[in-house]
Amino acid sequence: MAAITASMVGELRARTDAPMMECKKALTEADGDLGRAEEILRVKLGNKAGKAASRVTAEGVVAAAVVGTAGALLEVNCETDFVSKNDAFLAFTNACAQLIAEKNPADVVALSALPLSQEGFGPTVEDVRKGLIGKIGENMTIRRFQRYASGAKLASYLHGTRIGVMVEFDGDEVAAKDVAMHVAAMKPVALSSADVSAELVEKERKIATEKAAESGKPADIVAKMVEGSVQKFLKEVSLLDQVFVKAADGKQTVGAMLKDKATTVKSFTLYVVGEGIEKKVDDFAAEVAAQVAAAKGA
């Protein structure tokens, strides 16, 4: 049996918003596996336990750039919120987004080798990054980017600097901009139900099965409950099936709105700063105890 530490309980609580004792029970049942413990809490407590899981655990910014028919969405990370507001850091991020749109680098390594001069640093993106690290005194990394250049129209939306969306579309620009804002608010994981990954569907099916089994109902009813839960999940996470945030009747889906506007969304990219990055959780009590022990031994 794995030892369940206070820091593990704290991390699970931060992910799920579940009560501390429930977190401890779930971790004990999962033998210390955080991912499995999160699933257990979702079974016991419902969707509330999964809502906090998307909270970001790293700092940085998202930037967008459109040059002609090409566009780019980029995330660059740093260590603190303070640096994410630094003018030099923001200028570096925007310059990199522009370079991606213009030069079409294959990956972060290729982007890092492109020419760039800033703050007296250069002659490459990587040289500027290293120079700014030295000047600002904090690490920063280019995490990921998505470039579009299919010839379709592009619409982007930035919610501050922490959430960014780029939509590839044909049709009405206002409708596409509205979709980009909708994506930032509702965070769909795929364009349509058919595009949701099999892995994600299977994970949801597993959770729904465990939850339905606790009802004590006959197997055929349980099977219907599971299928109903999965179908509901697919509608909730698929862009075209989601209720449009600006729907006047509160019912119109994004797909229906786009049809009315004779507009087709081909794809989209959503970046939330720090999404999926696990920030180090320090055990403050242990750190203080270690310092006291070290002082006594001195």
C-alpha atoms as a PDB file:
ATOM      1  CA  MET A   1       0.000   0.000   0.000  1.00  0.00           C
ATOM      2  CA  ALA A   2       1.432   3.340  -1.103  1.00  0.00           C
ATOM      3  CA  ALA A   3       1.874   6.022   1.557  1.00  0.00           C
ATOM      4  CA  ILE A   4      -0.713   8.802   1.131  1.00  0.00           C
ATOM      5  CA  THR A   5       0.964  12.124   1.884  1.00  0.00           C
ATOM      6  CA  ALA A   6      -0.598  15.499   2.639  1.00  0.00           C
ATOM      7  CA  SER A   7       0.842  16.915  -0.582  1.00  0.00           C
ATOM      8  CA  MET A   8      -0.872  14.149  -2.604  1.00  0.00           C
ATOM      9  CA  VAL A   9      -4.202  14.925  -0.928  1.00  0.00           C
ATOM     10  CA  GLY A  10      -3.662  18.633  -1.570  1.00  0.00           C
ATOM     11  CA  GLU A  11      -2.919  18.083  -5.250  1.00  0.00           C
ATOM     12  CA  LEU A  12      -6.015  15.902  -5.740  1.00  0.00           C
ATOM     13  CA  ARG A  13      -8.158  18.504  -3.975  1.00  0.00           C
ATOM     14  CA  ALA A  14      -6.742  21.217  -6.258  1.00  0.00           C
ATOM     15  CA  ARG A  15      -7.647  19.097  -9.289  1.00  0.00           C
ATOM     16  CA  THR A  16     -11.178  18.215  -8.170  1.00  0.00           C
ATOM     17  CA  ASP A  17     -12.485  20.603  -5.476  1.00  0.00           C
ATOM     18  CA  ALA A  18     -13.563  17.510  -3.538  1.00  0.00           C
ATOM     19  CA  PRO A  19     -13.468  17.477   0.311  1.00  0.00           C
ATOM     20  CA  MET A  20     -10.121  16.578   1.863  1.00  0.00           C
ATOM     21  CA  MET A  21     -11.370  13.345   3.455  1.00  0.00           C
ATOM     22  CA  GLU A  22     -12.924  12.206   0.179  1.00  0.00           C
ATOM     23  CA  CYS A  23      -9.601  12.891  -1.551  1.00  0.00           C
ATOM     24  CA  LYS A  24      -7.738  10.833   1.036  1.00  0.00           C
ATOM     25  CA  LYS A  25     -10.223   7.949   0.730  1.00  0.00           C
ATOM     26  CA  ALA A  26      -9.970   8.010  -3.072  1.00  0.00           C
ATOM     27  CA  LEU A  27      -6.156   8.020  -2.975  1.00  0.00           C
ATOM     28  CA  THR A  28      -6.174   5.113  -0.532  1.00  0.00           C
ATOM     29  CA  GLU A  29      -8.535   3.164  -2.781  1.00  0.00           C
ATOM     30  CA  ALA A  30      -6.378   3.992  -5.807  1.00  0.00           C
ATOM     31  CA  ASP A  31      -3.180   3.027  -3.961  1.00  0.00           C
ATOM     32  CA  GLY A  32      -1.737   6.485  -4.476  1.00  0.00           C
ATOM     33  CA  ASP A  33      -2.500   6.746  -8.227  1.00  0.00           C
ATOM     34  CA  LEU A  34      -3.670  10.367  -8.717  1.00  0.00           C
ATOM     35  CA  GLY A  35      -5.296   9.722 -12.086  1.00  0.00           C
ATOM     36  CA  ARG A  36      -7.263   6.750 -10.813  1.00  0.00           C
ATOM     37  CA  ALA A  37      -8.235   8.651  -7.636  1.00  0.00           C
ATOM     38  CA  GLU A  38      -9.642  11.451  -9.779  1.00  0.00           C
ATOM     39  CA  GLU A  39     -11.776   8.927 -11.674  1.00  0.00           C
ATOM     40  CA  ILE A  40     -13.030   7.441  -8.387  1.00  0.00           C
ATOM     41  CA  LEU A  41     -14.101  10.894  -7.187  1.00  0.00           C
ATOM     42  CA  ARG A  42     -15.946  11.582 -10.428  1.00  0.00           C
ATOM     43  CA  VAL A  43     -17.848   8.320  -9.961  1.00  0.00           C
ATOM     44  CA  LYS A  44     -18.741   9.213  -6.374  1.00  0.00           C
ATOM     45  CA  LEU A  45     -19.292  12.950  -6.675  1.00  0.00           C
ATOM     46  CA  GLY A  46     -20.306  13.444 -10.295  1.00  0.00           C
ATOM     47  CA  ASN A  47     -18.951  15.951 -12.799  1.00  0.00           C
ATOM     48  CA  LYS A  48     -18.079  18.497 -10.107  1.00  0.00           C
ATOM     49  CA  ALA A  49     -14.978  16.465  -9.344  1.00  0.00           C
ATOM     50  CA  GLY A  50     -13.648  16.897 -12.870  1.00  0.00           C
ATOM     51  CA  LYS A  51     -14.346  20.590 -13.377  1.00  0.00           C
ATOM     52  CA  ALA A  52     -11.313  21.847 -11.512  1.00  0.00           C
ATOM     53  CA  ALA A  53      -8.973  19.503 -13.346  1.00  0.00           C
ATOM     54  CA  SER A  54      -8.481  22.062 -16.140  1.00  0.00           C
ATOM     55  CA  ARG A  55      -7.048  24.685 -13.799  1.00  0.00           C
ATOM     56  CA  VAL A  56      -3.690  25.786 -15.096  1.00  0.00           C
ATOM     57  CA  THR A  57      -0.569  24.909 -13.144  1.00  0.00           C
ATOM     58  CA  ALA A  58       2.028  26.967 -15.023  1.00  0.00           C
ATOM     59  CA  GLU A  59       2.350  30.590 -16.106  1.00  0.00           C
ATOM     60  CA  GLY A  60       2.860  32.169 -19.510  1.00  0.00           C
ATOM     61  CA  VAL A  61       0.917  33.612 -22.431  1.00  0.00           C
ATOM     62  CA  VAL A  62      -0.837  32.626 -25.647  1.00  0.00           C
ATOM     63  CA  ALA A  63      -0.308  34.756 -28.756  1.00  0.00           C
ATOM     64  CA  ALA A  64      -1.857  34.731 -32.228  1.00  0.00           C
ATOM     65  CA  ALA A  65      -0.681  36.092 -35.567  1.00  0.00           C
ATOM     66  CA  VAL A  66      -2.219  36.146 -39.039  1.00  0.00           C
ATOM     67  CA  VAL A  67      -0.096  37.014 -42.070  1.00  0.00           C
ATOM     68  CA  GLY A  68      -2.051  36.915 -45.306  1.00  0.00           C
ATOM     69  CA  THR A  69      -3.724  33.503 -45.429  1.00  0.00           C
ATOM     70  CA  ALA A  70      -1.377  31.963 -42.860  1.00  0.00           C
ATOM     71  CA  GLY A  71      -1.888  32.077 -39.130  1.00  0.00           C
ATOM     72  CA  ALA A  72      -0.347  30.788 -35.926  1.00  0.00           C
ATOM     73  CA  LEU A  73      -1.356  30.188 -32.337  1.00  0.00           C
ATOM     74  CA  LEU A  74       1.501  29.887 -29.835  1.00  0.00           C
ATOM     75  CA  GLU A  75       2.037  29.214 -26.130  1.00  0.00           C
ATOM     76  CA  VAL A  76       5.188  30.335 -24.323  1.00  0.00           C
ATOM     77  CA  ASN A  77       5.616  29.498 -20.632  1.00  0.00           C
ATOM     78  CA  CYS A  78       7.419  31.164 -17.755  1.00  0.00           C
ATOM     79  CA  GLU A  79       7.647  30.556 -14.031  1.00  0.00           C
ATOM     80  CA  THR A  80       5.546  33.356 -12.535  1.00  0.00           C
ATOM     81  CA  ASP A  81       2.538  35.485 -13.369  1.00  0.00           C
ATOM     82  CA  PHE A  82       4.723  38.559 -12.823  1.00  0.00           C
ATOM     83  CA  VAL A  83       6.973  37.669 -15.765  1.00  0.00           C
ATOM     84  CA  SER A  84       3.966  36.792 -17.955  1.00  0.00           C
ATOM     85  CA  LYS A  85       3.167  40.543 -17.882  1.00  0.00           C
ATOM     86  CA  ASN A  86       6.747  41.622 -18.668  1.00  0.00           C
ATOM     87  CA  ASP A  87       6.935  43.733 -21.845  1.00  0.00           C
ATOM     88  CA  ALA A  88      10.069  41.972 -23.138  1.00  0.00           C
ATOM     89  CA  PHE A  89       8.512  38.551 -22.577  1.00  0.00           C
ATOM     90  CA  LEU A  90       5.324  39.591 -24.374  1.00  0.00           C
ATOM     91  CA  ALA A  91       7.289  41.091 -27.264  1.00  0.00           C
ATOM     92  CA  PHE A  92       9.272  37.862 -27.608  1.00  0.00           C
ATOM     93  CA  THR A  93       6.089  35.775 -27.694  1.00  0.00           C
ATOM     94  CA  ASN A  94       4.424  37.980 -30.303  1.00  0.00           C
ATOM     95  CA  ALA A  95       7.569  37.977 -32.458  1.00  0.00           C
ATOM     96  CA  CYS A  96       7.664  34.181 -32.365  1.00  0.00           C
ATOM     97  CA  ALA A  97       3.995  33.934 -33.383  1.00  0.00           C
ATOM     98  CA  GLN A  98       4.693  36.238 -36.325  1.00  0.00           C
ATOM     99  CA  LEU A  99       7.698  34.140 -37.372  1.00  0.00           C
ATOM    100  CA  ILE A 100       5.649  30.935 -37.282  1.00  0.00           C
ATOM    101  CA  ALA A 101       3.001  32.424 -39.553  1.00  0.00           C
ATOM    102  CA  GLU A 102       5.603  33.818 -41.955  1.00  0.00           C
ATOM    103  CA  LYS A 103       8.299  31.123 -42.027  1.00  0.00           C
ATOM    104  CA  ASN A 104       6.451  27.837 -41.396  1.00  0.00           C
ATOM    105  CA  PRO A 105       8.930  26.153 -39.014  1.00  0.00           C
ATOM    106  CA  ALA A 106       8.385  22.395 -38.648  1.00  0.00           C
ATOM    107  CA  ASP A 107       8.589  22.385 -34.863  1.00  0.00           C
ATOM    108  CA  VAL A 108       9.879  24.276 -31.822  1.00  0.00           C
ATOM    109  CA  VAL A 109      13.474  23.320 -32.650  1.00  0.00           C
ATOM    110  CA  ALA A 110      13.147  24.779 -36.152  1.00  0.00           C
ATOM    111  CA  LEU A 111      11.475  27.904 -34.755  1.00  0.00           C
ATOM    112  CA  SER A 112      14.311  28.348 -32.269  1.00  0.00           C
ATOM    113  CA  ALA A 113      16.818  28.466 -35.132  1.00  0.00           C
ATOM    114  CA  LEU A 114      15.045  31.257 -37.042  1.00  0.00           C
ATOM    115  CA  PRO A 115      16.597  34.756 -37.137  1.00  0.00           C
ATOM    116  CA  LEU A 116      15.463  37.163 -34.417  1.00  0.00           C
ATOM    117  CA  SER A 117      16.989  40.124 -32.577  1.00  0.00           C
ATOM    118  CA  GLN A 118      15.519  41.712 -29.459  1.00  0.00           C
ATOM    119  CA  GLU A 119      16.822  43.627 -26.436  1.00  0.00           C
ATOM    120  CA  GLY A 120      20.339  43.393 -27.897  1.00  0.00           C
ATOM    121  CA  PHE A 121      20.141  39.593 -28.056  1.00  0.00           C
ATOM    122  CA  GLY A 122      20.308  37.418 -31.177  1.00  0.00           C
ATOM    123  CA  PRO A 123      20.827  36.429 -33.912  1.00  0.00           C
ATOM    124  CA  THR A 124      18.310  33.551 -33.408  1.00  0.00           C
ATOM    125  CA  VAL A 125      15.099  32.960 -31.456  1.00  0.00           C
ATOM    126  CA  GLU A 126      17.014  30.656 -29.123  1.00  0.00           C
ATOM    127  CA  ASP A 127      19.677  33.295 -28.488  1.00  0.00           C
ATOM    128  CA  VAL A 128      16.984  35.830 -27.618  1.00  0.00           C
ATOM    129  CA  ARG A 129      15.264  33.346 -25.318  1.00  0.00           C
ATOM    130  CA  LYS A 130      18.498  32.622 -23.446  1.00  0.00           C
ATOM    131  CA  GLY A 131      19.336  36.318 -23.277  1.00  0.00           C
ATOM    132  CA  LEU A 132      15.953  37.185 -21.777  1.00  0.00           C
ATOM    133  CA  ILE A 133      16.315  34.375 -19.235  1.00  0.00           C
ATOM    134  CA  GLY A 134      19.558  35.937 -18.091  1.00  0.00           C
ATOM    135  CA  LYS A 135      18.126  39.464 -18.050  1.00  0.00           C
ATOM    136  CA  ILE A 136      14.799  38.668 -16.378  1.00  0.00           C
ATOM    137  CA  GLY A 137      16.173  35.930 -14.136  1.00  0.00           C
ATOM    138  CA  GLU A 138      13.452  33.397 -14.842  1.00  0.00           C
ATOM    139  CA  ASN A 139      13.225  30.370 -17.107  1.00  0.00           C
ATOM    140  CA  MET A 140      10.953  30.522 -20.149  1.00  0.00           C
ATOM    141  CA  THR A 141      10.127  27.902 -22.757  1.00  0.00           C
ATOM    142  CA  ILE A 142       8.374  27.802 -26.105  1.00  0.00           C
ATOM    143  CA  ARG A 143       5.868  25.042 -25.461  1.00  0.00           C
ATOM    144  CA  ARG A 144       3.718  24.513 -28.561  1.00  0.00           C
ATOM    145  CA  PHE A 145       2.215  26.108 -31.652  1.00  0.00           C
ATOM    146  CA  GLN A 146      -0.287  25.403 -34.401  1.00  0.00           C
ATOM    147  CA  ARG A 147       0.032  26.921 -37.872  1.00  0.00           C
ATOM    148  CA  TYR A 148      -2.702  27.224 -40.500  1.00  0.00           C
ATOM    149  CA  ALA A 149      -2.060  27.807 -44.190  1.00  0.00           C
ATOM    150  CA  SER A 150      -4.684  25.859 -46.140  1.00  0.00           C
ATOM    151  CA  GLY A 151      -6.063  28.915 -47.895  1.00  0.00           C
ATOM    152  CA  ALA A 152      -9.220  28.946 -45.774  1.00  0.00           C
ATOM    153  CA  LYS A 153     -10.157  32.044 -43.769  1.00  0.00           C
ATOM    154  CA  LEU A 154      -8.882  32.422 -40.210  1.00  0.00           C
ATOM    155  CA  ALA A 155     -10.414  33.986 -37.116  1.00  0.00           C
ATOM    156  CA  SER A 156      -8.665  34.313 -33.779  1.00  0.00           C
ATOM    157  CA  TYR A 157      -9.690  35.303 -30.273  1.00  0.00           C
ATOM    158  CA  LEU A 158      -7.546  35.968 -27.214  1.00  0.00           C
ATOM    159  CA  HIS A 159      -9.118  36.097 -23.773  1.00  0.00           C
ATOM    160  CA  GLY A 160      -6.484  38.220 -22.101  1.00  0.00           C
ATOM    161  CA  THR A 161      -3.205  36.390 -22.624  1.00  0.00           C
ATOM    162  CA  ARG A 162      -4.137  33.091 -20.985  1.00  0.00           C
ATOM    163  CA  ILE A 163      -6.641  31.614 -23.452  1.00  0.00           C
ATOM    164  CA  GLY A 164      -6.254  31.670 -27.223  1.00  0.00           C
ATOM    165  CA  VAL A 165      -8.333  30.258 -30.082  1.00  0.00           C
ATOM    166  CA  MET A 166      -7.835  30.069 -33.821  1.00  0.00           C
ATOM    167  CA  VAL A 167     -10.631  28.930 -36.135  1.00  0.00           C
ATOM    168  CA  GLU A 168     -10.250  27.833 -39.756  1.00  0.00           C
ATOM    169  CA  PHE A 169     -13.449  28.497 -41.709  1.00  0.00           C
ATOM    170  CA  ASP A 170     -15.300  29.371 -44.894  1.00  0.00           C
ATOM    171  CA  GLY A 171     -18.143  31.856 -44.792  1.00  0.00           C
ATOM    172  CA  ASP A 172     -19.137  34.696 -42.474  1.00  0.00           C
ATOM    173  CA  GLU A 173     -16.332  36.339 -40.491  1.00  0.00           C
ATOM    174  CA  VAL A 174     -18.575  37.543 -37.673  1.00  0.00           C
ATOM    175  CA  ALA A 175     -19.953  34.032 -37.170  1.00  0.00           C
ATOM    176  CA  ALA A 176     -16.429  32.609 -37.116  1.00  0.00           C
ATOM    177  CA  LYS A 177     -15.307  35.200 -34.554  1.00  0.00           C
ATOM    178  CA  ASP A 178     -18.311  34.274 -32.421  1.00  0.00           C
ATOM    179  CA  VAL A 179     -17.306  30.623 -32.651  1.00  0.00           C
ATOM    180  CA  ALA A 180     -13.771  31.469 -31.531  1.00  0.00           C
ATOM    181  CA  MET A 181     -15.194  33.267 -28.487  1.00  0.00           C
ATOM    182  CA  HIS A 182     -17.508  30.310 -27.829  1.00  0.00           C
ATOM    183  CA  VAL A 183     -14.568  27.893 -27.926  1.00  0.00           C
ATOM    184  CA  ALA A 184     -12.688  30.013 -25.389  1.00  0.00           C
ATOM    185  CA  ALA A 185     -15.699  29.957 -23.061  1.00  0.00           C
ATOM    186  CA  MET A 186     -16.931  26.365 -23.447  1.00  0.00           C
ATOM    187  CA  LYS A 187     -13.653  24.581 -24.285  1.00  0.00           C
ATOM    188  CA  PRO A 188     -14.822  21.805 -26.624  1.00  0.00           C
ATOM    189  CA  VAL A 189     -12.300  19.032 -27.224  1.00  0.00           C
ATOM    190  CA  ALA A 190     -13.312  18.236 -30.816  1.00  0.00           C
ATOM    191  CA  LEU A 191     -15.202  19.648 -33.792  1.00  0.00           C
ATOM    192  CA  SER A 192     -17.842  16.898 -33.808  1.00  0.00           C
ATOM    193  CA  SER A 193     -18.743  13.799 -31.803  1.00  0.00           C
ATOM    194  CA  ALA A 194     -17.029  11.637 -34.416  1.00  0.00           C
ATOM    195  CA  ASP A 195     -13.777  13.517 -33.824  1.00  0.00           C
ATOM    196  CA  VAL A 196     -13.586  12.851 -30.071  1.00  0.00           C
ATOM    197  CA  SER A 197     -10.677  10.490 -29.418  1.00  0.00           C
ATOM    198  CA  ALA A 198     -11.470   6.839 -28.725  1.00  0.00           C
ATOM    199  CA  GLU A 199      -9.310   7.036 -25.615  1.00  0.00           C
ATOM    200  CA  LEU A 200     -11.374   9.874 -24.153  1.00  0.00           C
ATOM    201  CA  VAL A 201     -14.654   8.122 -24.999  1.00  0.00           C
ATOM    202  CA  GLU A 202     -13.455   4.902 -23.385  1.00  0.00           C
ATOM    203  CA  LYS A 203     -12.395   6.744 -20.243  1.00  0.00           C
ATOM    204  CA  GLU A 204     -15.831   8.359 -19.987  1.00  0.00           C
ATOM    205  CA  ARG A 205     -17.537   5.024 -20.654  1.00  0.00           C
ATOM    206  CA  LYS A 206     -15.547   3.425 -17.834  1.00  0.00           C
ATOM    207  CA  ILE A 207     -16.549   6.156 -15.390  1.00  0.00           C
ATOM    208  CA  ALA A 208     -20.199   5.976 -16.496  1.00  0.00           C
ATOM    209  CA  THR A 209     -20.199   2.177 -16.112  1.00  0.00           C
ATOM    210  CA  GLU A 210     -18.867   2.333 -12.562  1.00  0.00           C
ATOM    211  CA  LYS A 211     -21.323   5.048 -11.633  1.00  0.00           C
ATOM    212  CA  ALA A 212     -24.314   3.240 -13.175  1.00  0.00           C
ATOM    213  CA  ALA A 213     -23.352  -0.026 -11.508  1.00  0.00           C
ATOM    214  CA  GLU A 214     -23.804   1.621  -8.116  1.00  0.00           C
ATOM    215  CA  SER A 215     -27.493   2.204  -8.893  1.00  0.00           C
ATOM    216  CA  GLY A 216     -28.253  -1.499  -8.351  1.00  0.00           C
ATOM    217  CA  LYS A 217     -30.526  -1.573 -11.415  1.00  0.00           C
ATOM    218  CA  PRO A 218     -30.807  -4.495 -13.884  1.00  0.00           C
ATOM    219  CA  ALA A 219     -27.997  -4.968 -16.414  1.00  0.00           C
ATOM    220  CA  ASP A 220     -30.096  -3.834 -19.398  1.00  0.00           C
ATOM    221  CA  ILE A 221     -31.047  -0.606 -17.621  1.00  0.00           C
ATOM    222  CA  VAL A 222     -27.425  -0.046 -16.586  1.00  0.00           C
ATOM    223  CA  ALA A 223     -26.326  -0.471 -20.217  1.00  0.00           C
ATOM    224  CA  LYS A 224     -28.832   2.184 -21.325  1.00  0.00           C
ATOM    225  CA  MET A 225     -27.700   4.507 -18.547  1.00  0.00           C
ATOM    226  CA  VAL A 226     -24.085   4.119 -19.645  1.00  0.00           C
ATOM    227  CA  GLU A 227     -24.875   4.788 -23.294  1.00  0.00           C
ATOM    228  CA  GLY A 228     -26.971   7.799 -22.342  1.00  0.00           C
ATOM    229  CA  SER A 229     -24.122   9.209 -20.249  1.00  0.00           C
ATOM    230  CA  VAL A 230     -21.619   8.714 -23.069  1.00  0.00           C
ATOM    231  CA  GLN A 231     -23.879  10.397 -25.633  1.00  0.00           C
ATOM    232  CA  LYS A 232     -24.470  13.318 -23.262  1.00  0.00           C
ATOM    233  CA  PHE A 233     -20.713  13.643 -22.760  1.00  0.00           C
ATOM    234  CA  LEU A 234     -20.083  13.682 -26.522  1.00  0.00           C
ATOM    235  CA  LYS A 235     -22.575  16.506 -27.007  1.00  0.00           C
ATOM    236  CA  GLU A 236     -21.016  18.477 -24.164  1.00  0.00           C
ATOM    237  CA  VAL A 237     -17.468  18.310 -25.577  1.00  0.00           C
ATOM    238  CA  SER A 238     -18.181  18.542 -29.338  1.00  0.00           C
ATOM    239  CA  LEU A 239     -18.180  22.082 -30.742  1.00  0.00           C
ATOM    240  CA  LEU A 240     -20.967  21.636 -33.286  1.00  0.00           C
ATOM    241  CA  ASP A 241     -23.253  19.956 -30.724  1.00  0.00           C
ATOM    242  CA  GLN A 242     -22.744  22.492 -27.935  1.00  0.00           C
ATOM    243  CA  VAL A 243     -25.430  25.106 -27.268  1.00  0.00           C
ATOM    244  CA  PHE A 244     -24.127  28.367 -28.724  1.00  0.00           C
ATOM    245  CA  VAL A 245     -23.216  30.784 -25.907  1.00  0.00           C
ATOM    246  CA  LYS A 246     -25.012  33.647 -27.691  1.00  0.00           C
ATOM    247  CA  ALA A 247     -28.117  31.632 -28.641  1.00  0.00           C
ATOM    248  CA  ALA A 248     -31.172  33.874 -28.180  1.00  0.00           C
ATOM    249  CA  ASP A 249     -33.387  30.915 -27.300  1.00  0.00           C
ATOM    250  CA  GLY A 250     -30.792  29.178 -25.144  1.00  0.00           C
ATOM    251  CA  LYS A 251     -31.128  26.068 -27.306  1.00  0.00           C
ATOM    252  CA  GLN A 252     -29.553  26.719 -30.718  1.00  0.00           C
ATOM    253  CA  THR A 253     -26.391  24.686 -31.239  1.00  0.00           C
ATOM    254  CA  VAL A 254     -23.197  25.999 -32.771  1.00  0.00           C
ATOM    255  CA  GLY A 255     -23.819  23.730 -35.769  1.00  0.00           C
ATOM    256  CA  ALA A 256     -27.290  25.201 -36.317  1.00  0.00           C
ATOM    257  CA  MET A 257     -26.003  28.773 -35.975  1.00  0.00           C
ATOM    258  CA  LEU A 258     -23.295  28.129 -38.554  1.00  0.00           C
ATOM    259  CA  LYS A 259     -25.818  26.597 -40.940  1.00  0.00           C
ATOM    260  CA  ASP A 260     -28.000  29.711 -40.642  1.00  0.00           C
ATOM    261  CA  LYS A 261     -24.941  31.846 -41.454  1.00  0.00           C
ATOM    262  CA  ALA A 262     -23.861  29.633 -44.372  1.00  0.00           C
ATOM    263  CA  THR A 263     -20.530  29.131 -42.622  1.00  0.00           C
ATOM    264  CA  THR A 264     -18.384  26.025 -42.215  1.00  0.00           C
ATOM    265  CA  VAL A 265     -15.789  25.585 -39.485  1.00  0.00           C
ATOM    266  CA  LYS A 266     -13.077  23.242 -40.740  1.00  0.00           C
ATOM    267  CA  SER A 267     -10.986  23.047 -37.564  1.00  0.00           C
ATOM    268  CA  PHE A 268      -9.982  24.959 -34.465  1.00  0.00           C
ATOM    269  CA  THR A 269      -7.185  25.126 -31.918  1.00  0.00           C
ATOM    270  CA  LEU A 270      -7.649  26.071 -28.277  1.00  0.00           C
ATOM    271  CA  TYR A 271      -4.704  26.792 -25.987  1.00  0.00           C
ATOM    272  CA  VAL A 272      -5.081  27.435 -22.259  1.00  0.00           C
ATOM    273  CA  VAL A 273      -1.854  28.522 -20.578  1.00  0.00           C
ATOM    274  CA  GLY A 274      -0.318  25.716 -18.578  1.00  0.00           C
ATOM    275  CA  GLU A 275      -2.996  23.182 -19.487  1.00  0.00           C
ATOM    276  CA  GLY A 276      -1.693  19.688 -18.791  1.00  0.00           C
ATOM    277  CA  ILE A 277       1.473  20.919 -17.088  1.00  0.00           C
ATOM    278  CA  GLU A 278       1.827  19.757 -13.507  1.00  0.00           C
ATOM    279  CA  LYS A 279       3.405  22.428 -11.375  1.00  0.00           C
ATOM    280  CA  LYS A 280       5.696  21.260  -8.601  1.00  0.00           C
ATOM    281  CA  VAL A 281       3.844  21.054  -5.281  1.00  0.00           C
ATOM    282  CA  ASP A 282       6.184  21.871  -2.437  1.00  0.00           C
ATOM    283  CA  ASP A 283       5.701  20.184   0.944  1.00  0.00           C
ATOM    284  CA  PHE A 284       6.189  23.332   3.035  1.00  0.00           C
ATOM    285  CA  ALA A 285       6.069  21.519   6.395  1.00  0.00           C
ATOM    286  CA  ALA A 286       8.712  19.041   5.288  1.00  0.00           C
ATOM    287  CA  GLU A 287      10.875  21.867   3.934  1.00  0.00           C
ATOM    288  CA  VAL A 288      10.715  23.753   7.262  1.00  0.00           C
ATOM    289  CA  ALA A 289      11.469  20.555   9.228  1.00  0.00           C
ATOM    290  CA  ALA A 290      14.478  19.883   7.021  1.00  0.00           C
ATOM    291  CA  GLN A 291      15.774  23.429   7.557  1.00  0.00           C
ATOM    292  CA  VAL A 292      15.340  23.120  11.340  1.00  0.00           C
ATOM    293  CA  ALA A 293      17.155  19.778  11.352  1.00  0.00           C
ATOM    294  CA  ALA A 294      19.954  21.244   9.283  1.00  0.00           C
ATOM    295  CA  ALA A 295      20.267  24.198  11.657  1.00  0.00           C
ATOM    296  CA  LYS A 296      20.462  21.898  14.665  1.00  0.00           C
ATOM    297  CA  GLY A 297      23.183  19.847  13.019  1.00  0.00           C
ATOM    298  CA  ALA A 298      25.227  22.920  12.165  1.00  0.00           C
END
